[in-house]
Amino acid sequence: MIVASIIDNPFFGSATLFVQLLPGDLGMQASHHETRKLLEDYLFTGDQKLREKVSGLMGAHKPRVVGLSRSAAIELFWERNKAKLHGWKMLTQRGKEYVEL
């Protein structure tokens, strides 16, 4: 499977095309960025208030997790913020996936 992506470079007024030949199972997997975008579309489209709330919670959380394992950081996020996100889409499986990413 051929996988390609384009990266624009506005500073030079150019774009670079990256092309890879991958096995089919790898080529069909969504990238980290594609997955995050799909989750953001689901969680935040039409809900700017939730986007801002989550952005603020994530920004406040980052300094607290320096030196923690990934799983400990995720657990701490939910301990501190689950009640604040009660009633929002963030408490769905997709919301949990977003926090993990």
Protein backbone atom coordinates (compact mmCIF):
# COMPACT_ATOMS: atom_id res chain seq x y z
CA MET A 1 0.00 0.00 0.00
CA ILE A 2 1.26 3.45 -0.88
CA VAL A 3 0.82 6.06 1.84
CA ALA A 4 1.54 9.72 1.17
CA SER A 5 1.36 12.99 3.07
CA ILE A 6 2.11 16.58 2.20
CA ILE A 7 3.74 19.03 4.58
CA ASP A 8 3.50 22.72 3.69
CA ASN A 9 6.38 25.05 4.48
CA PRO A 10 5.02 28.61 4.29
CA PHE A 11 8.44 30.07 5.16
CA PHE A 12 9.87 28.80 1.87
CA GLY A 13 6.57 28.81 -0.01
CA SER A 14 6.90 25.11 -0.72
CA ALA A 15 5.38 21.75 0.07
CA THR A 16 7.08 18.40 0.53
CA LEU A 17 5.46 15.13 -0.46
CA PHE A 18 6.39 12.09 1.62
CA VAL A 19 5.61 8.70 0.11
CA GLN A 20 6.00 5.29 1.75
CA LEU A 21 5.31 1.77 0.63
CA LEU A 22 3.82 -0.12 3.59
CA PRO A 23 2.21 -3.48 4.20
CA GLY A 24 -1.58 -3.19 3.90
CA ASP A 25 -2.33 -3.63 7.60
CA LEU A 26 0.00 -0.76 8.53
CA GLY A 27 -1.08 1.46 5.66
CA MET A 28 -4.73 1.31 6.66
CA GLN A 29 -4.14 2.29 10.29
CA ALA A 30 -4.99 5.86 11.21
CA SER A 31 -2.03 7.88 12.42
CA HIS A 32 -1.92 9.44 15.89
CA HIS A 33 -2.84 12.82 14.36
CA GLU A 34 -5.68 11.39 12.26
CA THR A 35 -7.12 9.63 15.29
CA ARG A 36 -6.88 12.78 17.41
CA LYS A 37 -8.61 14.82 14.69
CA LEU A 38 -11.47 12.32 14.42
CA LEU A 39 -11.92 12.36 18.19
CA GLU A 40 -11.84 16.17 18.27
CA ASP A 41 -14.46 16.32 15.53
CA TYR A 42 -16.73 14.02 17.54
CA LEU A 43 -16.15 15.68 20.91
CA PHE A 44 -15.92 19.37 20.07
CA THR A 45 -17.85 20.09 16.85
CA GLY A 46 -20.56 22.54 17.86
CA ASP A 47 -19.30 22.66 21.45
CA GLN A 48 -16.65 25.36 21.74
CA LYS A 49 -17.23 25.56 25.51
CA LEU A 50 -16.16 21.94 25.96
CA ARG A 51 -13.10 22.48 23.73
CA GLU A 52 -12.02 25.43 25.88
CA LYS A 53 -12.73 23.57 29.12
CA VAL A 54 -10.68 20.53 28.08
CA SER A 55 -7.87 22.72 26.78
CA GLY A 56 -7.67 24.48 30.14
CA LEU A 57 -7.76 21.23 32.09
CA MET A 58 -5.02 19.72 29.91
CA GLY A 59 -2.87 22.83 30.24
CA ALA A 60 -3.20 22.79 34.02
CA HIS A 61 -2.52 19.04 34.12
CA LYS A 62 0.75 19.00 32.15
CA PRO A 63 2.98 20.46 34.89
CA ARG A 64 1.54 18.02 37.44
CA VAL A 65 2.54 14.91 35.49
CA VAL A 66 6.22 15.56 34.90
CA GLY A 67 8.03 12.35 35.80
CA LEU A 68 4.87 10.22 36.02
CA SER A 69 4.23 7.20 33.86
CA ARG A 70 1.65 7.56 31.11
CA SER A 71 -0.88 5.44 32.98
CA ALA A 72 -0.35 7.39 36.23
CA ALA A 73 -0.79 10.69 34.40
CA ILE A 74 -4.06 9.51 32.83
CA GLU A 75 -5.33 8.21 36.17
CA LEU A 76 -4.47 11.52 37.87
CA PHE A 77 -6.26 13.47 35.12
CA TRP A 78 -9.49 11.56 35.75
CA GLU A 79 -9.15 11.76 39.54
CA ARG A 80 -8.89 15.54 39.35
CA ASN A 81 -11.30 16.22 36.50
CA LYS A 82 -14.00 13.56 36.27
CA ALA A 83 -16.48 15.57 38.35
CA LYS A 84 -15.72 18.73 36.33
CA LEU A 85 -16.55 16.87 33.12
CA HIS A 86 -19.72 15.22 34.40
CA GLY A 87 -22.45 15.47 31.76
CA TRP A 88 -20.03 16.17 28.89
CA LYS A 89 -18.99 13.89 26.02
CA MET A 90 -15.54 13.56 27.58
CA LEU A 91 -16.84 10.80 29.85
CA THR A 92 -17.59 8.59 26.83
CA GLN A 93 -15.16 6.00 25.47
CA ARG A 94 -14.05 8.47 22.80
CA GLY A 95 -13.39 11.11 25.43
CA LYS A 96 -11.24 8.67 27.36
CA GLU A 97 -9.34 7.79 24.16
CA TYR A 98 -8.74 11.52 23.59
CA VAL A 99 -7.20 11.95 27.04
CA GLU A 100 -4.98 8.91 26.46
CA LEU A 101 -3.69 10.38 23.20
